[in-house]
PDB file of all heavy atoms in Angstrom:
ATOM      1  N   PRO A   1      25.296  14.346   8.070  1.00  0.00           N
ATOM      2  CA  PRO A   1      23.862  14.616   8.185  1.00  0.00           C
ATOM      3  C   PRO A   1      23.141  14.759   6.853  1.00  0.00           C
ATOM      4  O   PRO A   1      21.997  14.308   6.730  1.00  0.00           O
ATOM      5  CB  PRO A   1      23.808  15.930   8.987  1.00  0.00           C
ATOM      6  CG  PRO A   1      25.164  16.540   8.850  1.00  0.00           C
ATOM      7  CD  PRO A   1      26.112  15.403   8.738  1.00  0.00           C
ATOM      8  N   PHE A   2      23.790  15.345   5.856  1.00  0.00           N
ATOM      9  CA  PHE A   2      23.106  15.472   4.576  1.00  0.00           C
ATOM     10  C   PHE A   2      22.839  14.119   3.939  1.00  0.00           C
ATOM     11  O   PHE A   2      21.725  13.852   3.452  1.00  0.00           O
ATOM     12  CB  PHE A   2      23.907  16.326   3.584  1.00  0.00           C
ATOM     13  CG  PHE A   2      23.369  16.254   2.191  1.00  0.00           C
ATOM     14  CD1 PHE A   2      22.193  16.895   1.851  1.00  0.00           C
ATOM     15  CD2 PHE A   2      24.029  15.516   1.206  1.00  0.00           C
ATOM     16  CE1 PHE A   2      21.669  16.804   0.574  1.00  0.00           C
ATOM     17  CE2 PHE A   2      23.522  15.422  -0.078  1.00  0.00           C
ATOM     18  CZ  PHE A   2      22.336  16.071  -0.391  1.00  0.00           C
ATOM     19  N   LEU A   3      23.829  13.229   3.962  1.00  0.00           N
ATOM     20  CA  LEU A   3      23.656  11.920   3.337  1.00  0.00           C
ATOM     21  C   LEU A   3      22.634  11.075   4.098  1.00  0.00           C
ATOM     22  O   LEU A   3      21.879  10.310   3.484  1.00  0.00           O
ATOM     23  CB  LEU A   3      25.001  11.210   3.245  1.00  0.00           C
ATOM     24  CG  LEU A   3      26.005  11.811   2.282  1.00  0.00           C
ATOM     25  CD1 LEU A   3      27.315  11.040   2.294  1.00  0.00           C
ATOM     26  CD2 LEU A   3      25.438  11.890   0.874  1.00  0.00           C
ATOM     27  N   THR A   4      22.614  11.187   5.416  1.00  0.00           N
ATOM     28  CA  THR A   4      21.621  10.471   6.201  1.00  0.00           C
ATOM     29  C   THR A   4      20.213  10.945   5.829  1.00  0.00           C
ATOM     30  O   THR A   4      19.301  10.139   5.604  1.00  0.00           O
ATOM     31  CB  THR A   4      21.867  10.679   7.702  1.00  0.00           C
ATOM     32  OG1 THR A   4      23.121  10.103   8.059  1.00  0.00           O
ATOM     33  CG2 THR A   4      20.762  10.015   8.526  1.00  0.00           C
ATOM     34  N   THR A   5      20.049  12.267   5.759  1.00  0.00           N
ATOM     35  CA  THR A   5      18.757  12.842   5.418  1.00  0.00           C
ATOM     36  C   THR A   5      18.339  12.431   4.008  1.00  0.00           C
ATOM     37  O   THR A   5      17.212  12.041   3.747  1.00  0.00           O
ATOM     38  CB  THR A   5      18.797  14.369   5.532  1.00  0.00           C
ATOM     39  OG1 THR A   5      19.166  14.726   6.855  1.00  0.00           O
ATOM     40  CG2 THR A   5      17.453  14.985   5.187  1.00  0.00           C
ATOM     41  N   LEU A   6      19.282  12.542   3.069  1.00  0.00           N
ATOM     42  CA  LEU A   6      18.997  12.188   1.689  1.00  0.00           C
ATOM     43  C   LEU A   6      18.622  10.726   1.559  1.00  0.00           C
ATOM     44  O   LEU A   6      17.662  10.386   0.825  1.00  0.00           O
ATOM     45  CB  LEU A   6      20.215  12.498   0.806  1.00  0.00           C
ATOM     46  CG  LEU A   6      20.064  12.178  -0.680  1.00  0.00           C
ATOM     47  CD1 LEU A   6      18.999  13.053  -1.316  1.00  0.00           C
ATOM     48  CD2 LEU A   6      21.414  12.355  -1.401  1.00  0.00           C
ATOM     49  N   ALA A   7      19.319   9.849   2.249  1.00  0.00           N
ATOM     50  CA  ALA A   7      19.057   8.408   2.142  1.00  0.00           C
ATOM     51  C   ALA A   7      17.635   8.084   2.588  1.00  0.00           C
ATOM     52  O   ALA A   7      16.889   7.389   1.869  1.00  0.00           O
ATOM     53  CB  ALA A   7      20.078   7.635   2.976  1.00  0.00           C
ATOM     54  N   PHE A   8      17.235   8.560   3.766  1.00  0.00           N
ATOM     55  CA  PHE A   8      15.882   8.261   4.234  1.00  0.00           C
ATOM     56  C   PHE A   8      14.831   8.966   3.375  1.00  0.00           C
ATOM     57  O   PHE A   8      13.721   8.434   3.170  1.00  0.00           O
ATOM     58  CB  PHE A   8      15.733   8.655   5.705  1.00  0.00           C
ATOM     59  CG  PHE A   8      16.236   7.617   6.658  1.00  0.00           C
ATOM     60  CD1 PHE A   8      17.537   7.700   7.165  1.00  0.00           C
ATOM     61  CD2 PHE A   8      15.456   6.536   7.008  1.00  0.00           C
ATOM     62  CE1 PHE A   8      18.022   6.722   8.032  1.00  0.00           C
ATOM     63  CE2 PHE A   8      15.937   5.539   7.875  1.00  0.00           C
ATOM     64  CZ  PHE A   8      17.219   5.650   8.388  1.00  0.00           C
ATOM     65  N   ALA A   9      15.182  10.145   2.852  1.00  0.00           N
ATOM     66  CA  ALA A   9      14.227  10.884   2.006  1.00  0.00           C
ATOM     67  C   ALA A   9      13.928  10.111   0.735  1.00  0.00           C
ATOM     68  O   ALA A   9      12.760   9.877   0.399  1.00  0.00           O
ATOM     69  CB  ALA A   9      14.786  12.272   1.685  1.00  0.00           C
ATOM     70  N   VAL A  10      14.961   9.697  -0.008  1.00  0.00           N
ATOM     71  CA  VAL A  10      14.734   9.101  -1.327  1.00  0.00           C
ATOM     72  C   VAL A  10      14.446   7.619  -1.275  1.00  0.00           C
ATOM     73  O   VAL A  10      13.722   7.076  -2.121  1.00  0.00           O
ATOM     74  CB  VAL A  10      15.921   9.353  -2.259  1.00  0.00           C
ATOM     75  CG1 VAL A  10      16.146  10.824  -2.461  1.00  0.00           C
ATOM     76  CG2 VAL A  10      17.194   8.679  -1.755  1.00  0.00           C
ATOM     77  N   TYR A  11      14.978   6.925  -0.262  1.00  0.00           N
ATOM     78  CA  TYR A  11      14.760   5.478  -0.185  1.00  0.00           C
ATOM     79  C   TYR A  11      13.440   5.103   0.510  1.00  0.00           C
ATOM     80  O   TYR A  11      12.856   4.058   0.216  1.00  0.00           O
ATOM     81  CB  TYR A  11      15.908   4.797   0.576  1.00  0.00           C
ATOM     82  CG  TYR A  11      17.193   4.695  -0.194  1.00  0.00           C
ATOM     83  CD1 TYR A  11      18.387   5.170   0.341  1.00  0.00           C
ATOM     84  CD2 TYR A  11      17.235   4.115  -1.459  1.00  0.00           C
ATOM     85  CE1 TYR A  11      19.588   5.082  -0.361  1.00  0.00           C
ATOM     86  CE2 TYR A  11      18.430   4.016  -2.171  1.00  0.00           C
ATOM     87  CZ  TYR A  11      19.579   4.517  -1.612  1.00  0.00           C
ATOM     88  OH  TYR A  11      20.771   4.428  -2.301  1.00  0.00           O
ATOM     89  N   VAL A  12      12.991   5.957   1.400  1.00  0.00           N
ATOM     90  CA  VAL A  12      11.867   5.562   2.257  1.00  0.00           C
ATOM     91  C   VAL A  12      10.679   6.524   2.188  1.00  0.00           C
ATOM     92  O   VAL A  12       9.546   6.106   1.951  1.00  0.00           O
ATOM     93  CB  VAL A  12      12.328   5.438   3.735  1.00  0.00           C
ATOM     94  CG1 VAL A  12      11.169   4.965   4.610  1.00  0.00           C
ATOM     95  CG2 VAL A  12      13.500   4.480   3.846  1.00  0.00           C
ATOM     96  N   VAL A  13      10.910   7.821   2.368  1.00  0.00           N
ATOM     97  CA  VAL A  13       9.819   8.743   2.712  1.00  0.00           C
ATOM     98  C   VAL A  13       9.237   9.482   1.506  1.00  0.00           C
ATOM     99  O   VAL A  13       8.050   9.343   1.175  1.00  0.00           O
ATOM    100  CB  VAL A  13      10.276   9.747   3.778  1.00  0.00           C
ATOM    101  CG1 VAL A  13       9.123  10.707   4.121  1.00  0.00           C
ATOM    102  CG2 VAL A  13      10.743   9.033   5.014  1.00  0.00           C
ATOM    103  N   VAL A  14      10.050  10.301   0.851  1.00  0.00           N
ATOM    104  CA  VAL A  14       9.536  11.304  -0.100  1.00  0.00           C
ATOM    105  C   VAL A  14       8.809  10.695  -1.288  1.00  0.00           C
ATOM    106  O   VAL A  14       7.669  11.095  -1.590  1.00  0.00           O
ATOM    107  CB  VAL A  14      10.672  12.243  -0.542  1.00  0.00           C
ATOM    108  CG1 VAL A  14      10.164  13.204  -1.623  1.00  0.00           C
ATOM    109  CG2 VAL A  14      11.171  13.038   0.655  1.00  0.00           C
ATOM    110  N   PRO A  15       9.390   9.741  -2.038  1.00  0.00           N
ATOM    111  CA  PRO A  15       8.638   9.211  -3.190  1.00  0.00           C
ATOM    112  C   PRO A  15       7.289   8.625  -2.821  1.00  0.00           C
ATOM    113  O   PRO A  15       6.290   8.851  -3.517  1.00  0.00           O
ATOM    114  CB  PRO A  15       9.607   8.143  -3.742  1.00  0.00           C
ATOM    115  CG  PRO A  15      10.945   8.560  -3.291  1.00  0.00           C
ATOM    116  CD  PRO A  15      10.731   9.136  -1.929  1.00  0.00           C
ATOM    117  N   GLN A  16       7.243   7.860  -1.721  1.00  0.00           N
ATOM    118  CA  GLN A  16       5.980   7.241  -1.326  1.00  0.00           C
ATOM    119  C   GLN A  16       4.969   8.288  -0.848  1.00  0.00           C
ATOM    120  O   GLN A  16       3.760   8.196  -1.124  1.00  0.00           O
ATOM    121  CB  GLN A  16       6.225   6.205  -0.225  1.00  0.00           C
ATOM    122  CG  GLN A  16       7.187   5.104  -0.608  1.00  0.00           C
ATOM    123  CD  GLN A  16       6.717   4.272  -1.790  1.00  0.00           C
ATOM    124  OE1 GLN A  16       5.514   4.075  -1.994  1.00  0.00           O
ATOM    125  NE2 GLN A  16       7.654   3.794  -2.609  1.00  0.00           N
ATOM    126  N   ALA A  17       5.446   9.313  -0.146  1.00  0.00           N
ATOM    127  CA  ALA A  17       4.558  10.378   0.323  1.00  0.00           C
ATOM    128  C   ALA A  17       3.998  11.177  -0.843  1.00  0.00           C
ATOM    129  O   ALA A  17       2.796  11.492  -0.885  1.00  0.00           O
ATOM    130  CB  ALA A  17       5.303  11.293   1.298  1.00  0.00           C
ATOM    131  N   LEU A  18       4.838  11.522  -1.822  1.00  0.00           N
ATOM    132  CA  LEU A  18       4.372  12.262  -2.986  1.00  0.00           C
ATOM    133  C   LEU A  18       3.380  11.438  -3.802  1.00  0.00           C
ATOM    134  O   LEU A  18       2.421  11.965  -4.349  1.00  0.00           O
ATOM    135  CB  LEU A  18       5.563  12.669  -3.845  1.00  0.00           C
ATOM    136  CG  LEU A  18       6.504  13.712  -3.234  1.00  0.00           C
ATOM    137  CD1 LEU A  18       7.665  13.990  -4.184  1.00  0.00           C
ATOM    138  CD2 LEU A  18       5.752  15.005  -2.921  1.00  0.00           C
ATOM    139  N   LEU A  19       3.636  10.138  -3.871  1.00  0.00           N
ATOM    140  CA  LEU A  19       2.689   9.273  -4.605  1.00  0.00           C
ATOM    141  C   LEU A  19       1.332   9.247  -3.916  1.00  0.00           C
ATOM    142  O   LEU A  19       0.290   9.263  -4.572  1.00  0.00           O
ATOM    143  CB  LEU A  19       3.249   7.859  -4.702  1.00  0.00           C
ATOM    144  CG  LEU A  19       2.404   6.859  -5.489  1.00  0.00           C
ATOM    145  CD1 LEU A  19       2.225   7.315  -6.940  1.00  0.00           C
ATOM    146  CD2 LEU A  19       3.045   5.473  -5.444  1.00  0.00           C
ATOM    147  N   GLN A  20       1.316   9.213  -2.588  1.00  0.00           N
ATOM    148  CA  GLN A  20       0.059   9.242  -1.862  1.00  0.00           C
ATOM    149  C   GLN A  20      -0.680  10.562  -2.090  1.00  0.00           C
ATOM    150  O   GLN A  20      -1.906  10.574  -2.217  1.00  0.00           O
ATOM    151  CB  GLN A  20       0.304   9.033  -0.357  1.00  0.00           C
ATOM    152  CG  GLN A  20      -0.969   8.856   0.461  1.00  0.00           C
ATOM    153  CD  GLN A  20      -1.792   7.685  -0.038  1.00  0.00           C
ATOM    154  OE1 GLN A  20      -1.283   6.579  -0.217  1.00  0.00           O
ATOM    155  NE2 GLN A  20      -3.085   7.913  -0.245  1.00  0.00           N
ATOM    156  N   ILE A  21       0.040  11.667  -2.157  1.00  0.00           N
ATOM    157  CA  ILE A  21      -0.570  12.967  -2.458  1.00  0.00           C
ATOM    158  C   ILE A  21      -1.181  12.912  -3.856  1.00  0.00           C
ATOM    159  O   ILE A  21      -2.287  13.437  -4.098  1.00  0.00           O
ATOM    160  CB  ILE A  21       0.485  14.082  -2.348  1.00  0.00           C
ATOM    161  CG1 ILE A  21       0.900  14.272  -0.891  1.00  0.00           C
ATOM    162  CG2 ILE A  21      -0.059  15.401  -2.911  1.00  0.00           C
ATOM    163  CD1 ILE A  21       2.051  15.245  -0.706  1.00  0.00           C
ATOM    164  N   TYR A  22      -0.478  12.299  -4.788  1.00  0.00           N
ATOM    165  CA  TYR A  22      -0.993  12.161  -6.165  1.00  0.00           C
ATOM    166  C   TYR A  22      -2.281  11.349  -6.185  1.00  0.00           C
ATOM    167  O   TYR A  22      -3.271  11.722  -6.836  1.00  0.00           O
ATOM    168  CB  TYR A  22       0.078  11.501  -7.033  1.00  0.00           C
ATOM    169  CG  TYR A  22      -0.367  11.137  -8.420  1.00  0.00           C
ATOM    170  CD1 TYR A  22      -0.640  12.105  -9.357  1.00  0.00           C
ATOM    171  CD2 TYR A  22      -0.495   9.788  -8.797  1.00  0.00           C
ATOM    172  CE1 TYR A  22      -1.040  11.768 -10.643  1.00  0.00           C
ATOM    173  CE2 TYR A  22      -0.897   9.439 -10.061  1.00  0.00           C
ATOM    174  CZ  TYR A  22      -1.163  10.429 -10.983  1.00  0.00           C
ATOM    175  OH  TYR A  22      -1.563  10.079 -12.248  1.00  0.00           O
ATOM    176  N   PHE A  23      -2.306  10.231  -5.465  1.00  0.00           N
ATOM    177  CA  PHE A  23      -3.518   9.415  -5.376  1.00  0.00           C
ATOM    178  C   PHE A  23      -4.679  10.223  -4.795  1.00  0.00           C
ATOM    179  O   PHE A  23      -5.811  10.169  -5.287  1.00  0.00           O
ATOM    180  CB  PHE A  23      -3.278   8.172  -4.521  1.00  0.00           C
ATOM    181  CG  PHE A  23      -2.362   7.152  -5.129  1.00  0.00           C
ATOM    182  CD1 PHE A  23      -1.611   6.302  -4.324  1.00  0.00           C
ATOM    183  CD2 PHE A  23      -2.258   7.046  -6.505  1.00  0.00           C
ATOM    184  CE1 PHE A  23      -0.786   5.363  -4.896  1.00  0.00           C
ATOM    185  CE2 PHE A  23      -1.407   6.088  -7.078  1.00  0.00           C
ATOM    186  CZ  PHE A  23      -0.674   5.251  -6.263  1.00  0.00           C
ATOM    187  N   SER A  24      -4.415  10.934  -3.722  1.00  0.00           N
ATOM    188  CA  SER A  24      -5.460  11.739  -3.075  1.00  0.00           C
ATOM    189  C   SER A  24      -6.004  12.813  -4.018  1.00  0.00           C
ATOM    190  O   SER A  24      -7.205  13.069  -4.056  1.00  0.00           O
ATOM    191  CB  SER A  24      -4.923  12.389  -1.799  1.00  0.00           C
ATOM    192  OG  SER A  24      -4.511  11.413  -0.861  1.00  0.00           O
ATOM    193  N   ALA A  25      -5.098  13.452  -4.772  1.00  0.00           N
ATOM    194  CA  ALA A  25      -5.523  14.485  -5.705  1.00  0.00           C
ATOM    195  C   ALA A  25      -6.390  13.892  -6.803  1.00  0.00           C
ATOM    196  O   ALA A  25      -7.342  14.542  -7.285  1.00  0.00           O
ATOM    197  CB  ALA A  25      -4.317  15.181  -6.293  1.00  0.00           C
ATOM    198  N   GLN A  26      -6.096  12.656  -7.235  1.00  0.00           N
ATOM    199  CA  GLN A  26      -6.905  12.014  -8.256  1.00  0.00           C
ATOM    200  C   GLN A  26      -8.336  11.733  -7.766  1.00  0.00           C
ATOM    201  O   GLN A  26      -9.277  11.732  -8.561  1.00  0.00           O
ATOM    202  CB  GLN A  26      -6.263  10.689  -8.681  1.00  0.00           C
ATOM    203  CG  GLN A  26      -5.088  10.833  -9.614  1.00  0.00           C
ATOM    204  CD  GLN A  26      -4.620   9.503 -10.118  1.00  0.00           C
ATOM    205  OE1 GLN A  26      -4.508   8.522  -9.357  1.00  0.00           O
ATOM    206  NE2 GLN A  26      -4.359   9.406 -11.413  1.00  0.00           N
TER     207      GLN A  26
END
């Protein structure tokens, strides 16, 4: 479960979501 969660987090979800938050803050 940890590796599954980590894979989807770093490959798909978290970096793109954080970038969108950064754009919105700008």
